[in-house]
Amino acid sequence: MDAVEEVLTASAGCGDIAVIAHGGVGTLLLCRLRGDPIGRQHDQPLNNGSNYFAFDAATRRVLHGWKAIDV
């Protein structure tokens, strides 16, 4: 979370930002943003491709959970 906070602070006002990481790292970030305890039930879904979630950079509020990137 510290690294993400650093990127968001340095990029304030620059528009949309993509943070690219392995699924496990994304799950940890998603759990932190939601205030959920770490758990496998929060992992990205098993599908044919990569997944993403979105959050508001200003409020750190999750806009939506995992979605397939190729849809």
PDB file of N, CA and C in Angstrom:
ATOM      1  N   MET A   1       0.827  -1.186   0.000  1.00  0.00           N
ATOM      2  CA  MET A   1       0.000   0.000   0.000  1.00  0.00           C
ATOM      3  C   MET A   1       0.867   1.243   0.000  1.00  0.00           C
ATOM      4  N   ASP A   2       2.008   1.180   0.654  1.00  0.00           N
ATOM      5  CA  ASP A   2       2.898   2.347   0.672  1.00  0.00           C
ATOM      6  C   ASP A   2       3.337   2.727  -0.742  1.00  0.00           C
ATOM      7  N   ALA A   3       3.669   1.728  -1.564  1.00  0.00           N
ATOM      8  CA  ALA A   3       4.108   2.009  -2.934  1.00  0.00           C
ATOM      9  C   ALA A   3       2.969   2.609  -3.751  1.00  0.00           C
ATOM     10  N   VAL A   4       1.763   2.085  -3.583  1.00  0.00           N
ATOM     11  CA  VAL A   4       0.614   2.613  -4.308  1.00  0.00           C
ATOM     12  C   VAL A   4       0.341   4.045  -3.869  1.00  0.00           C
ATOM     13  N   GLU A   5       0.401   4.305  -2.574  1.00  0.00           N
ATOM     14  CA  GLU A   5       0.205   5.672  -2.075  1.00  0.00           C
ATOM     15  C   GLU A   5       1.241   6.626  -2.663  1.00  0.00           C
ATOM     16  N   GLU A   6       2.476   6.175  -2.763  1.00  0.00           N
ATOM     17  CA  GLU A   6       3.544   7.006  -3.332  1.00  0.00           C
ATOM     18  C   GLU A   6       3.247   7.353  -4.788  1.00  0.00           C
ATOM     19  N   VAL A   7       2.818   6.355  -5.562  1.00  0.00           N
ATOM     20  CA  VAL A   7       2.485   6.588  -6.971  1.00  0.00           C
ATOM     21  C   VAL A   7       1.300   7.539  -7.088  1.00  0.00           C
ATOM     22  N   LEU A   8       0.265   7.332  -6.285  1.00  0.00           N
ATOM     23  CA  LEU A   8      -0.914   8.192  -6.357  1.00  0.00           C
ATOM     24  C   LEU A   8      -0.579   9.627  -5.982  1.00  0.00           C
ATOM     25  N   THR A   9       0.235   9.808  -4.971  1.00  0.00           N
ATOM     26  CA  THR A   9       0.633  11.154  -4.552  1.00  0.00           C
ATOM     27  C   THR A   9       1.450  11.843  -5.642  1.00  0.00           C
ATOM     28  N   ALA A  10       2.408  11.125  -6.218  1.00  0.00           N
ATOM     29  CA  ALA A  10       3.269  11.703  -7.253  1.00  0.00           C
ATOM     30  C   ALA A  10       2.505  11.979  -8.544  1.00  0.00           C
ATOM     31  N   SER A  11       1.402  11.265  -8.756  1.00  0.00           N
ATOM     32  CA  SER A  11       0.653  11.384 -10.010  1.00  0.00           C
ATOM     33  C   SER A  11      -0.639  12.173  -9.862  1.00  0.00           C
ATOM     34  N   ALA A  12      -0.850  12.803  -8.744  1.00  0.00           N
ATOM     35  CA  ALA A  12      -2.093  13.542  -8.506  1.00  0.00           C
ATOM     36  C   ALA A  12      -2.347  14.531  -9.640  1.00  0.00           C
ATOM     37  N   GLY A  13      -3.559  14.486 -10.174  1.00  0.00           N
ATOM     38  CA  GLY A  13      -3.939  15.402 -11.243  1.00  0.00           C
ATOM     39  C   GLY A  13      -3.499  14.981 -12.631  1.00  0.00           C
ATOM     40  N   CYS A  14      -2.878  13.818 -12.761  1.00  0.00           N
ATOM     41  CA  CYS A  14      -2.371  13.366 -14.065  1.00  0.00           C
ATOM     42  C   CYS A  14      -3.362  12.507 -14.844  1.00  0.00           C
ATOM     43  N   GLY A  15      -4.519  12.238 -14.292  1.00  0.00           N
ATOM     44  CA  GLY A  15      -5.488  11.391 -14.976  1.00  0.00           C
ATOM     45  C   GLY A  15      -5.464   9.974 -14.435  1.00  0.00           C
ATOM     46  N   ASP A  16      -5.975   9.053 -15.237  1.00  0.00           N
ATOM     47  CA  ASP A  16      -6.062   7.652 -14.811  1.00  0.00           C
ATOM     48  C   ASP A  16      -4.680   7.038 -14.667  1.00  0.00           C
ATOM     49  N   ILE A  17      -4.559   6.113 -13.720  1.00  0.00           N
ATOM     50  CA  ILE A  17      -3.301   5.431 -13.444  1.00  0.00           C
ATOM     51  C   ILE A  17      -3.565   3.935 -13.431  1.00  0.00           C
ATOM     52  N   ALA A  18      -2.701   3.169 -14.050  1.00  0.00           N
ATOM     53  CA  ALA A  18      -2.791   1.711 -14.004  1.00  0.00           C
ATOM     54  C   ALA A  18      -1.654   1.185 -13.144  1.00  0.00           C
ATOM     55  N   VAL A  19      -2.008   0.341 -12.204  1.00  0.00           N
ATOM     56  CA  VAL A  19      -1.021  -0.348 -11.367  1.00  0.00           C
ATOM     57  C   VAL A  19      -1.043  -1.801 -11.817  1.00  0.00           C
ATOM     58  N   ILE A  20       0.074  -2.281 -12.326  1.00  0.00           N
ATOM     59  CA  ILE A  20       0.148  -3.631 -12.870  1.00  0.00           C
ATOM     60  C   ILE A  20       0.910  -4.512 -11.897  1.00  0.00           C
ATOM     61  N   ALA A  21       0.317  -5.661 -11.552  1.00  0.00           N
ATOM     62  CA  ALA A  21       0.959  -6.571 -10.597  1.00  0.00           C
ATOM     63  C   ALA A  21       0.395  -7.976 -10.779  1.00  0.00           C
ATOM     64  N   HIS A  22       1.001  -8.914 -10.116  1.00  0.00           N
ATOM     65  CA  HIS A  22       0.471 -10.276 -10.087  1.00  0.00           C
ATOM     66  C   HIS A  22      -0.833 -10.282  -9.313  1.00  0.00           C
ATOM     67  N   GLY A  23      -1.656 -11.290  -9.555  1.00  0.00           N
ATOM     68  CA  GLY A  23      -2.975 -11.370  -8.932  1.00  0.00           C
ATOM     69  C   GLY A  23      -2.949 -11.345  -7.419  1.00  0.00           C
ATOM     70  N   GLY A  24      -1.977 -12.010  -6.812  1.00  0.00           N
ATOM     71  CA  GLY A  24      -1.892 -12.028  -5.356  1.00  0.00           C
ATOM     72  C   GLY A  24      -1.673 -10.651  -4.781  1.00  0.00           C
ATOM     73  N   VAL A  25      -0.835  -9.867  -5.429  1.00  0.00           N
ATOM     74  CA  VAL A  25      -0.582  -8.494  -4.990  1.00  0.00           C
ATOM     75  C   VAL A  25      -1.846  -7.655  -5.168  1.00  0.00           C
ATOM     76  N   GLY A  26      -2.532  -7.860  -6.280  1.00  0.00           N
ATOM     77  CA  GLY A  26      -3.790  -7.158  -6.507  1.00  0.00           C
ATOM     78  C   GLY A  26      -4.831  -7.510  -5.456  1.00  0.00           C
ATOM     79  N   THR A  27      -4.881  -8.774  -5.088  1.00  0.00           N
ATOM     80  CA  THR A  27      -5.824  -9.200  -4.058  1.00  0.00           C
ATOM     81  C   THR A  27      -5.516  -8.535  -2.726  1.00  0.00           C
ATOM     82  N   LEU A  28      -4.230  -8.459  -2.377  1.00  0.00           N
ATOM     83  CA  LEU A  28      -3.856  -7.783  -1.129  1.00  0.00           C
ATOM     84  C   LEU A  28      -4.274  -6.313  -1.150  1.00  0.00           C
ATOM     85  N   LEU A  29      -4.065  -5.651  -2.285  1.00  0.00           N
ATOM     86  CA  LEU A  29      -4.456  -4.251  -2.409  1.00  0.00           C
ATOM     87  C   LEU A  29      -5.972  -4.107  -2.328  1.00  0.00           C
ATOM     88  N   LEU A  30      -6.696  -4.954  -3.033  1.00  0.00           N
ATOM     89  CA  LEU A  30      -8.157  -4.902  -3.013  1.00  0.00           C
ATOM     90  C   LEU A  30      -8.683  -5.101  -1.592  1.00  0.00           C
ATOM     91  N   CYS A  31      -8.137  -6.075  -0.877  1.00  0.00           N
ATOM     92  CA  CYS A  31      -8.553  -6.311   0.508  1.00  0.00           C
ATOM     93  C   CYS A  31      -8.288  -5.079   1.364  1.00  0.00           C
ATOM     94  N   ARG A  32      -7.142  -4.481   1.202  1.00  0.00           N
ATOM     95  CA  ARG A  32      -6.789  -3.298   1.986  1.00  0.00           C
ATOM     96  C   ARG A  32      -7.744  -2.141   1.705  1.00  0.00           C
ATOM     97  N   LEU A  33      -8.028  -1.914   0.431  1.00  0.00           N
ATOM     98  CA  LEU A  33      -8.925  -0.822   0.060  1.00  0.00           C
ATOM     99  C   LEU A  33     -10.345  -1.036   0.575  1.00  0.00           C
ATOM    100  N   ARG A  34     -10.781  -2.284   0.568  1.00  0.00           N
ATOM    101  CA  ARG A  34     -12.136  -2.607   1.040  1.00  0.00           C
ATOM    102  C   ARG A  34     -12.214  -2.724   2.561  1.00  0.00           C
ATOM    103  N   GLY A  35     -11.072  -2.872   3.196  1.00  0.00           N
ATOM    104  CA  GLY A  35     -11.075  -3.094   4.636  1.00  0.00           C
ATOM    105  C   GLY A  35     -11.412  -4.525   4.999  1.00  0.00           C
ATOM    106  N   ASP A  36     -11.226  -5.443   4.040  1.00  0.00           N
ATOM    107  CA  ASP A  36     -11.508  -6.859   4.263  1.00  0.00           C
ATOM    108  C   ASP A  36     -10.275  -7.572   4.793  1.00  0.00           C
ATOM    109  N   PRO A  37     -10.463  -8.605   5.604  1.00  0.00           N
ATOM    110  CA  PRO A  37      -9.307  -9.412   5.992  1.00  0.00           C
ATOM    111  C   PRO A  37      -8.782 -10.166   4.769  1.00  0.00           C
ATOM    112  N   ILE A  38      -7.487 -10.431   4.744  1.00  0.00           N
ATOM    113  CA  ILE A  38      -6.887 -11.167   3.633  1.00  0.00           C
ATOM    114  C   ILE A  38      -7.488 -12.561   3.587  1.00  0.00           C
ATOM    115  N   GLY A  39      -7.912 -12.973   2.399  1.00  0.00           N
ATOM    116  CA  GLY A  39      -8.497 -14.298   2.241  1.00  0.00           C
ATOM    117  C   GLY A  39      -8.566 -14.699   0.786  1.00  0.00           C
ATOM    118  N   ARG A  40      -8.449 -15.992   0.540  1.00  0.00           N
ATOM    119  CA  ARG A  40      -8.461 -16.506  -0.839  1.00  0.00           C
ATOM    120  C   ARG A  40      -9.781 -16.227  -1.550  1.00  0.00           C
ATOM    121  N   GLN A  41     -10.849 -16.024  -0.802  1.00  0.00           N
ATOM    122  CA  GLN A  41     -12.135 -15.746  -1.440  1.00  0.00           C
ATOM    123  C   GLN A  41     -12.131 -14.417  -2.182  1.00  0.00           C
ATOM    124  N   HIS A  42     -11.119 -13.596  -1.953  1.00  0.00           N
ATOM    125  CA  HIS A  42     -11.012 -12.305  -2.634  1.00  0.00           C
ATOM    126  C   HIS A  42     -10.107 -12.359  -3.863  1.00  0.00           C
ATOM    127  N   ASP A  43      -9.515 -13.539  -4.150  1.00  0.00           N
ATOM    128  CA  ASP A  43      -8.657 -13.684  -5.332  1.00  0.00           C
ATOM    129  C   ASP A  43      -9.426 -13.360  -6.604  1.00  0.00           C
ATOM    130  N   GLN A  44      -8.682 -13.001  -7.648  1.00  0.00           N
ATOM    131  CA  GLN A  44      -9.326 -12.753  -8.928  1.00  0.00           C
ATOM    132  C   GLN A  44      -9.931 -14.059  -9.445  1.00  0.00           C
ATOM    133  N   PRO A  45     -11.006 -13.963 -10.226  1.00  0.00           N
ATOM    134  CA  PRO A  45     -11.655 -15.169 -10.727  1.00  0.00           C
ATOM    135  C   PRO A  45     -10.770 -15.913 -11.721  1.00  0.00           C
ATOM    136  N   LEU A  46     -10.986 -17.213 -11.795  1.00  0.00           N
ATOM    137  CA  LEU A  46     -10.268 -18.027 -12.777  1.00  0.00           C
ATOM    138  C   LEU A  46     -10.998 -17.894 -14.108  1.00  0.00           C
ATOM    139  N   ASN A  47     -10.313 -17.371 -15.102  1.00  0.00           N
ATOM    140  CA  ASN A  47     -10.876 -17.235 -16.439  1.00  0.00           C
ATOM    141  C   ASN A  47      -9.729 -17.322 -17.441  1.00  0.00           C
ATOM    142  N   ASN A  48      -9.992 -16.949 -18.674  1.00  0.00           N
ATOM    143  CA  ASN A  48      -8.987 -17.108 -19.727  1.00  0.00           C
ATOM    144  C   ASN A  48      -8.025 -15.940 -19.846  1.00  0.00           C
ATOM    145  N   GLY A  49      -8.054 -15.019 -18.942  1.00  0.00           N
ATOM    146  CA  GLY A  49      -7.192 -13.865 -19.096  1.00  0.00           C
ATOM    147  C   GLY A  49      -6.946 -13.155 -17.789  1.00  0.00           C
ATOM    148  N   SER A  50      -6.423 -11.989 -17.896  1.00  0.00           N
ATOM    149  CA  SER A  50      -6.131 -11.174 -16.724  1.00  0.00           C
ATOM    150  C   SER A  50      -7.392 -10.456 -16.266  1.00  0.00           C
ATOM    151  N   ASN A  51      -7.323  -9.940 -15.050  1.00  0.00           N
ATOM    152  CA  ASN A  51      -8.453  -9.253 -14.452  1.00  0.00           C
ATOM    153  C   ASN A  51      -7.992  -7.921 -13.890  1.00  0.00           C
ATOM    154  N   TYR A  52      -8.945  -7.062 -13.609  1.00  0.00           N
ATOM    155  CA  TYR A  52      -8.641  -5.762 -13.025  1.00  0.00           C
ATOM    156  C   TYR A  52      -9.762  -5.368 -12.090  1.00  0.00           C
ATOM    157  N   PHE A  53      -9.483  -4.424 -11.213  1.00  0.00           N
ATOM    158  CA  PHE A  53     -10.515  -3.763 -10.428  1.00  0.00           C
ATOM    159  C   PHE A  53     -10.211  -2.278 -10.465  1.00  0.00           C
ATOM    160  N   ALA A  54     -11.152  -1.466 -10.045  1.00  0.00           N
ATOM    161  CA  ALA A  54     -10.954  -0.016 -10.094  1.00  0.00           C
ATOM    162  C   ALA A  54     -11.295   0.605  -8.751  1.00  0.00           C
ATOM    163  N   PHE A  55     -10.541   1.652  -8.431  1.00  0.00           N
ATOM    164  CA  PHE A  55     -10.851   2.432  -7.236  1.00  0.00           C
ATOM    165  C   PHE A  55     -10.601   3.897  -7.520  1.00  0.00           C
ATOM    166  N   ASP A  56     -11.286   4.736  -6.774  1.00  0.00           N
ATOM    167  CA  ASP A  56     -11.139   6.169  -6.909  1.00  0.00           C
ATOM    168  C   ASP A  56      -9.849   6.595  -6.217  1.00  0.00           C
ATOM    169  N   ALA A  57      -8.956   7.235  -6.947  1.00  0.00           N
ATOM    170  CA  ALA A  57      -7.649   7.604  -6.397  1.00  0.00           C
ATOM    171  C   ALA A  57      -7.766   8.637  -5.279  1.00  0.00           C
ATOM    172  N   ALA A  58      -8.743   9.502  -5.351  1.00  0.00           N
ATOM    173  CA  ALA A  58      -8.878  10.556  -4.340  1.00  0.00           C
ATOM    174  C   ALA A  58      -9.425  10.024  -3.018  1.00  0.00           C
ATOM    175  N   THR A  59     -10.417   9.138  -3.113  1.00  0.00           N
ATOM    176  CA  THR A  59     -11.073   8.649  -1.898  1.00  0.00           C
ATOM    177  C   THR A  59     -10.613   7.264  -1.474  1.00  0.00           C
ATOM    178  N   ARG A  60      -9.915   6.568  -2.381  1.00  0.00           N
ATOM    179  CA  ARG A  60      -9.477   5.176  -2.167  1.00  0.00           C
ATOM    180  C   ARG A  60     -10.673   4.230  -2.048  1.00  0.00           C
ATOM    181  N   ARG A  61     -11.820   4.633  -2.583  1.00  0.00           N
ATOM    182  CA  ARG A  61     -13.025   3.812  -2.552  1.00  0.00           C
ATOM    183  C   ARG A  61     -13.052   2.898  -3.776  1.00  0.00           C
ATOM    184  N   VAL A  62     -13.304   1.610  -3.541  1.00  0.00           N
ATOM    185  CA  VAL A  62     -13.369   0.640  -4.627  1.00  0.00           C
ATOM    186  C   VAL A  62     -14.626   0.919  -5.450  1.00  0.00           C
ATOM    187  N   LEU A  63     -14.436   1.089  -6.760  1.00  0.00           N
ATOM    188  CA  LEU A  63     -15.547   1.349  -7.674  1.00  0.00           C
ATOM    189  C   LEU A  63     -16.187   0.053  -8.141  1.00  0.00           C
ATOM    190  N   HIS A  64     -15.356  -0.960  -8.374  1.00  0.00           N
ATOM    191  CA  HIS A  64     -15.862  -2.303  -8.691  1.00  0.00           C
ATOM    192  C   HIS A  64     -14.763  -3.311  -8.427  1.00  0.00           C
ATOM    193  N   GLY A  65     -15.202  -4.536  -8.167  1.00  0.00           N
ATOM    194  CA  GLY A  65     -14.268  -5.637  -7.925  1.00  0.00           C
ATOM    195  C   GLY A  65     -13.714  -6.178  -9.227  1.00  0.00           C
ATOM    196  N   TRP A  66     -13.207  -7.401  -9.164  1.00  0.00           N
ATOM    197  CA  TRP A  66     -12.542  -8.018 -10.309  1.00  0.00           C
ATOM    198  C   TRP A  66     -13.455  -8.121 -11.523  1.00  0.00           C
ATOM    199  N   LYS A  67     -12.935  -7.749 -12.678  1.00  0.00           N
ATOM    200  CA  LYS A  67     -13.582  -7.932 -13.977  1.00  0.00           C
ATOM    201  C   LYS A  67     -12.536  -8.442 -14.949  1.00  0.00           C
ATOM    202  N   ALA A  68     -12.960  -9.260 -15.902  1.00  0.00           N
ATOM    203  CA  ALA A  68     -12.047  -9.749 -16.936  1.00  0.00           C
ATOM    204  C   ALA A  68     -11.615  -8.587 -17.820  1.00  0.00           C
ATOM    205  N   ILE A  69     -10.323  -8.501 -18.085  1.00  0.00           N
ATOM    206  CA  ILE A  69      -9.795  -7.380 -18.861  1.00  0.00           C
ATOM    207  C   ILE A  69     -10.135  -7.507 -20.349  1.00  0.00           C
ATOM    208  N   ASP A  70     -10.456  -8.708 -20.804  1.00  0.00           N
ATOM    209  CA  ASP A  70     -10.705  -8.922 -22.230  1.00  0.00           C
ATOM    210  C   ASP A  70     -12.181  -8.891 -22.588  1.00  0.00           C
ATOM    211  N   VAL A  71     -13.004  -8.350 -21.722  1.00  0.00           N
ATOM    212  CA  VAL A  71     -14.450  -8.285 -22.010  1.00  0.00           C
ATOM    213  C   VAL A  71     -14.812  -6.908 -22.471  1.00  0.00           C
TER     214      VAL A  71
END
